[in-house]
């Protein structure tokens, strides 16, 4: 069995969205100072680094992250290589990749080729998912979508566009779970078992998460003939 960690390390030096503070870390006690134990104190946002968006993030009255159905973020998934796409991921790119029937889908774009998640400086020109591509993914039956930068939204639509946050509104409004900030640089395209668990923060619009991909595991088949590793 191989476990591939696709989580960005949480630290005060990590990549952050413009205008949002990176995590802060201090010690309330430390054995090096003669204390009997070492106790850390962290402060961070709900959308720091590798994280999961809850519907509440953009949908009025939407569910918080504590209500997440963990079947959305734990189960078989497909990693698709879209590193050749120069702009944002469009409908035609997904059609060419043969996206159909995947419940959990992770998109490896040029962000991973440029190793953007492991850089400390924010890059406005990251690859995201267009609103037209979002509608295609909804129609294709995708329930969980993962991307390899801090947002699924094109930066210009998040900050300046007239129809701001169209991708988020489309996906979250359709019930699609979003995993953002995945580190896919060293991940080969293909089929994996995804395990991504956000913190159970009551009433939160999102949460940092630990995400891994697992392969080399045989999953038992159910009595009805469907393999638990196939349909998720």
Protein backbone atom coordinates (compact mmCIF):
# COMPACT_ATOMS: atom_id res chain seq x y z
CA UNK A 1 0.00 0.00 0.00
CA UNK A 2 1.27 3.47 -0.92
CA UNK A 3 0.07 6.61 0.87
CA UNK A 4 0.71 9.93 -0.88
CA UNK A 5 0.29 13.04 1.23
CA UNK A 6 -1.30 15.83 -0.86
CA UNK A 7 -1.58 18.32 2.02
CA UNK A 8 0.20 21.66 2.23
CA UNK A 9 2.05 21.97 5.58
CA UNK A 10 0.39 24.49 7.90
CA UNK A 11 2.87 27.15 9.05
CA UNK A 12 3.19 30.91 9.51
CA UNK A 13 5.31 31.00 6.33
CA UNK A 14 2.80 29.24 4.10
CA UNK A 15 1.03 30.53 1.01
CA UNK A 16 -2.07 32.63 1.78
CA UNK A 17 -4.83 34.29 -0.20
CA UNK A 18 -4.26 38.07 -0.61
CA UNK A 19 -5.63 39.99 2.36
CA UNK A 20 -5.81 36.92 4.60
CA UNK A 21 -3.31 36.40 7.36
CA UNK A 22 -1.28 33.18 7.41
CA UNK A 23 -1.56 30.95 10.48
CA UNK A 24 0.09 32.12 13.69
CA UNK A 25 1.77 29.75 16.12
CA UNK A 26 3.03 30.24 19.64
CA UNK A 27 3.80 28.08 22.64
CA UNK A 28 1.78 28.46 25.82
CA UNK A 29 4.36 26.29 27.57
CA UNK A 30 7.56 24.57 26.48
CA UNK A 31 9.79 21.96 28.03
CA UNK A 32 12.84 23.91 26.84
CA UNK A 33 11.70 26.71 29.15
CA UNK A 34 11.45 24.33 32.10
CA UNK A 35 7.71 23.66 31.78
CA UNK A 36 6.45 20.11 32.40
CA UNK A 37 5.02 19.87 28.87
CA UNK A 38 4.91 21.61 25.50
CA UNK A 39 1.57 23.15 24.47
CA UNK A 40 0.99 24.98 21.18
CA UNK A 41 -1.57 27.66 20.36
CA UNK A 42 -2.61 28.07 16.72
CA UNK A 43 -4.79 30.65 15.03
CA UNK A 44 -5.85 30.14 11.43
CA UNK A 45 -8.68 30.66 8.95
CA UNK A 46 -11.16 28.13 7.68
CA UNK A 47 -9.77 28.32 4.14
CA UNK A 48 -6.07 28.04 4.93
CA UNK A 49 -3.87 25.83 2.76
CA UNK A 50 -5.42 22.47 1.93
CA UNK A 51 -9.06 22.87 2.92
CA UNK A 52 -12.68 21.92 2.25
CA UNK A 53 -15.40 24.43 1.39
CA UNK A 54 -18.82 24.04 3.00
CA UNK A 55 -21.97 25.21 1.19
CA UNK A 56 -22.23 27.99 3.79
CA UNK A 57 -19.16 29.57 2.16
CA UNK A 58 -21.34 31.00 -0.63
CA UNK A 59 -24.87 29.63 -0.29
CA UNK A 60 -27.14 31.60 2.10
CA UNK A 61 -28.43 29.20 4.73
CA UNK A 62 -26.11 26.49 3.46
CA UNK A 63 -24.76 23.73 5.67
CA UNK A 64 -21.61 24.20 7.71
CA UNK A 65 -18.57 21.98 7.45
CA UNK A 66 -19.68 19.87 10.42
CA UNK A 67 -22.55 18.52 8.30
CA UNK A 68 -20.26 17.18 5.55
CA UNK A 69 -21.09 13.66 4.41
CA UNK A 70 -17.68 12.02 4.72
CA UNK A 71 -18.48 9.72 1.79
CA UNK A 72 -17.80 12.82 -0.29
CA UNK A 73 -14.17 13.04 0.77
CA UNK A 74 -13.37 9.39 1.49
CA UNK A 75 -13.51 6.89 -1.36
CA UNK A 76 -12.24 6.09 -4.87
CA UNK A 77 -11.21 9.08 -6.97
CA UNK A 78 -9.58 9.92 -10.27
CA UNK A 79 -6.69 12.32 -10.79
CA UNK A 80 -6.78 13.90 -14.25
CA UNK A 81 -3.75 15.60 -15.81
CA UNK A 82 -4.71 18.95 -17.38
CA UNK A 83 -1.22 20.43 -17.20
CA UNK A 84 -1.32 21.24 -20.92
CA UNK A 85 -4.19 23.73 -20.48
CA UNK A 86 -2.73 27.22 -20.73
CA UNK A 87 -5.63 29.24 -19.35
CA UNK A 88 -8.43 28.16 -17.06
CA UNK A 89 -9.94 24.70 -17.35
CA UNK A 90 -12.84 24.83 -19.81
CA UNK A 91 -15.63 22.53 -20.86
CA UNK A 92 -13.73 21.28 -23.92
CA UNK A 93 -10.73 20.33 -21.75
CA UNK A 94 -12.94 18.15 -19.57
CA UNK A 95 -14.65 16.58 -22.58
CA UNK A 96 -11.27 15.77 -24.12
CA UNK A 97 -10.19 14.17 -20.83
CA UNK A 98 -13.21 11.89 -20.92
CA UNK A 99 -14.69 13.11 -17.65
CA UNK A 100 -17.88 11.14 -17.12
CA UNK A 101 -19.17 9.17 -14.16
CA UNK A 102 -16.44 10.14 -11.68
CA UNK A 103 -17.92 10.97 -8.29
CA UNK A 104 -14.61 12.27 -6.89
CA UNK A 105 -12.33 14.12 -9.29
CA UNK A 106 -9.01 15.87 -8.70
CA UNK A 107 -7.64 18.20 -11.39
CA UNK A 108 -3.87 18.40 -11.81
CA UNK A 109 -3.17 21.58 -13.77
CA UNK A 110 -0.17 23.72 -14.67
CA UNK A 111 -0.32 24.91 -11.04
CA UNK A 112 1.26 21.60 -10.09
CA UNK A 113 3.77 21.79 -12.93
CA UNK A 114 4.88 25.15 -11.55
CA UNK A 115 4.69 23.86 -7.97
CA UNK A 116 2.61 26.89 -6.98
CA UNK A 117 1.26 25.41 -3.74
CA UNK A 118 4.78 25.09 -2.37
CA UNK A 119 5.71 28.68 -3.15
CA UNK A 120 5.35 31.33 -0.48
CA UNK A 121 4.22 34.08 -2.85
CA UNK A 122 0.68 34.22 -4.23
CA UNK A 123 0.33 33.87 -8.01
CA UNK A 124 -2.68 35.68 -9.52
CA UNK A 125 -2.33 33.81 -12.81
CA UNK A 126 -3.08 30.37 -11.39
CA UNK A 127 -5.22 27.92 -13.37
CA UNK A 128 -8.80 27.61 -12.12
CA UNK A 129 -12.12 26.20 -13.33
CA UNK A 130 -14.35 28.30 -15.56
CA UNK A 131 -18.06 28.59 -14.80
CA UNK A 132 -18.84 26.72 -18.05
CA UNK A 133 -16.57 23.87 -16.95
CA UNK A 134 -18.30 23.89 -13.55
CA UNK A 135 -21.69 23.38 -15.22
CA UNK A 136 -20.25 20.51 -17.25
CA UNK A 137 -18.90 18.82 -14.11
CA UNK A 138 -22.29 19.11 -12.44
CA UNK A 139 -23.95 17.52 -15.46
CA UNK A 140 -21.31 14.77 -15.51
CA UNK A 141 -22.25 13.72 -11.99
CA UNK A 142 -19.13 14.90 -10.14
CA UNK A 143 -19.91 15.17 -6.42
CA UNK A 144 -16.45 16.12 -5.13
CA UNK A 145 -13.96 18.30 -6.98
CA UNK A 146 -10.36 18.92 -5.93
CA UNK A 147 -8.01 21.57 -7.33
CA UNK A 148 -4.32 22.27 -6.96
CA UNK A 149 -4.39 25.88 -5.81
CA UNK A 150 -6.10 27.92 -3.10
CA UNK A 151 -9.30 28.44 -5.07
CA UNK A 152 -11.37 26.76 -7.76
CA UNK A 153 -12.37 30.29 -8.86
CA UNK A 154 -10.42 32.29 -11.47
CA UNK A 155 -8.72 35.15 -9.62
CA UNK A 156 -10.27 37.77 -11.88
CA UNK A 157 -13.76 36.44 -11.13
CA UNK A 158 -13.07 36.33 -7.42
CA UNK A 159 -11.75 39.86 -7.18
CA UNK A 160 -12.95 41.94 -10.12
CA UNK A 161 -15.61 40.22 -12.23
CA UNK A 162 -19.17 41.53 -12.54
CA UNK A 163 -20.56 38.03 -11.98
CA UNK A 164 -18.24 37.35 -9.07
CA UNK A 165 -17.63 33.81 -7.81
CA UNK A 166 -19.69 32.16 -10.54
CA UNK A 167 -17.77 28.90 -10.28
CA UNK A 168 -18.23 28.65 -6.54
CA UNK A 169 -21.92 29.51 -6.75
CA UNK A 170 -22.51 26.93 -9.47
CA UNK A 171 -20.66 24.07 -7.77
CA UNK A 172 -21.65 24.66 -4.15
CA UNK A 173 -25.20 25.49 -5.22
CA UNK A 174 -25.40 22.09 -6.93
CA UNK A 175 -24.12 20.32 -3.83
CA UNK A 176 -20.58 19.67 -5.10
CA UNK A 177 -17.99 19.40 -2.32
CA UNK A 178 -14.84 21.43 -3.00
CA UNK A 179 -11.31 20.49 -1.97
CA UNK A 180 -8.87 23.34 -2.55
CA UNK A 181 -5.14 23.74 -2.04
CA UNK A 182 -4.15 20.17 -2.91
CA UNK A 183 -0.46 19.46 -3.54
CA UNK A 184 -0.48 17.26 -6.67
CA UNK A 185 2.98 18.07 -8.05
CA UNK A 186 4.34 14.55 -7.59
CA UNK A 187 1.07 12.69 -8.21
CA UNK A 188 0.67 10.68 -11.40
CA UNK A 189 -2.75 10.75 -13.09
CA UNK A 190 -4.90 7.71 -12.46
CA UNK A 191 -7.20 6.04 -9.98
CA UNK A 192 -6.67 6.29 -6.22
CA UNK A 193 -8.49 6.03 -2.91
CA UNK A 194 -8.95 9.51 -1.43
CA UNK A 195 -9.06 10.22 2.29
CA UNK A 196 -9.60 13.88 3.15
CA UNK A 197 -10.90 14.82 6.59
CA UNK A 198 -11.65 18.43 7.54
CA UNK A 199 -11.94 19.48 11.16
CA UNK A 200 -15.49 19.23 12.51
CA UNK A 201 -15.88 22.96 13.15
CA UNK A 202 -19.48 23.69 14.11
CA UNK A 203 -21.05 26.40 11.95
CA UNK A 204 -17.90 26.97 9.89
CA UNK A 205 -17.88 27.81 6.17
CA UNK A 206 -14.77 25.69 5.65
CA UNK A 207 -11.94 23.89 7.37
CA UNK A 208 -8.31 22.96 6.87
CA UNK A 209 -7.93 19.25 6.14
CA UNK A 210 -5.38 16.46 5.91
CA UNK A 211 -5.66 14.80 2.50
CA UNK A 212 -3.95 11.67 1.21
CA UNK A 213 -4.20 9.41 -1.82
CA UNK A 214 -3.86 5.66 -1.36
CA UNK A 215 -3.15 3.00 -3.97
CA UNK A 216 -2.18 -0.63 -3.98
CA UNK A 217 -5.14 -1.73 -1.86
CA UNK A 218 -7.63 -4.40 -2.87
CA UNK A 219 -11.16 -3.50 -1.83
CA UNK A 220 -13.68 -6.25 -1.00
CA UNK A 221 -16.66 -6.77 -3.25
CA UNK A 222 -20.16 -6.41 -1.88
CA UNK A 223 -22.68 -9.26 -2.06
CA UNK A 224 -24.64 -7.37 -4.72
CA UNK A 225 -21.66 -7.61 -7.04
CA UNK A 226 -20.54 -3.99 -6.88
CA UNK A 227 -16.98 -3.44 -5.74
CA UNK A 228 -16.59 -0.90 -2.94
CA UNK A 229 -13.46 0.33 -4.65
CA UNK A 230 -15.25 1.01 -7.94
CA UNK A 231 -18.41 2.96 -7.33
CA UNK A 232 -17.44 4.72 -4.11
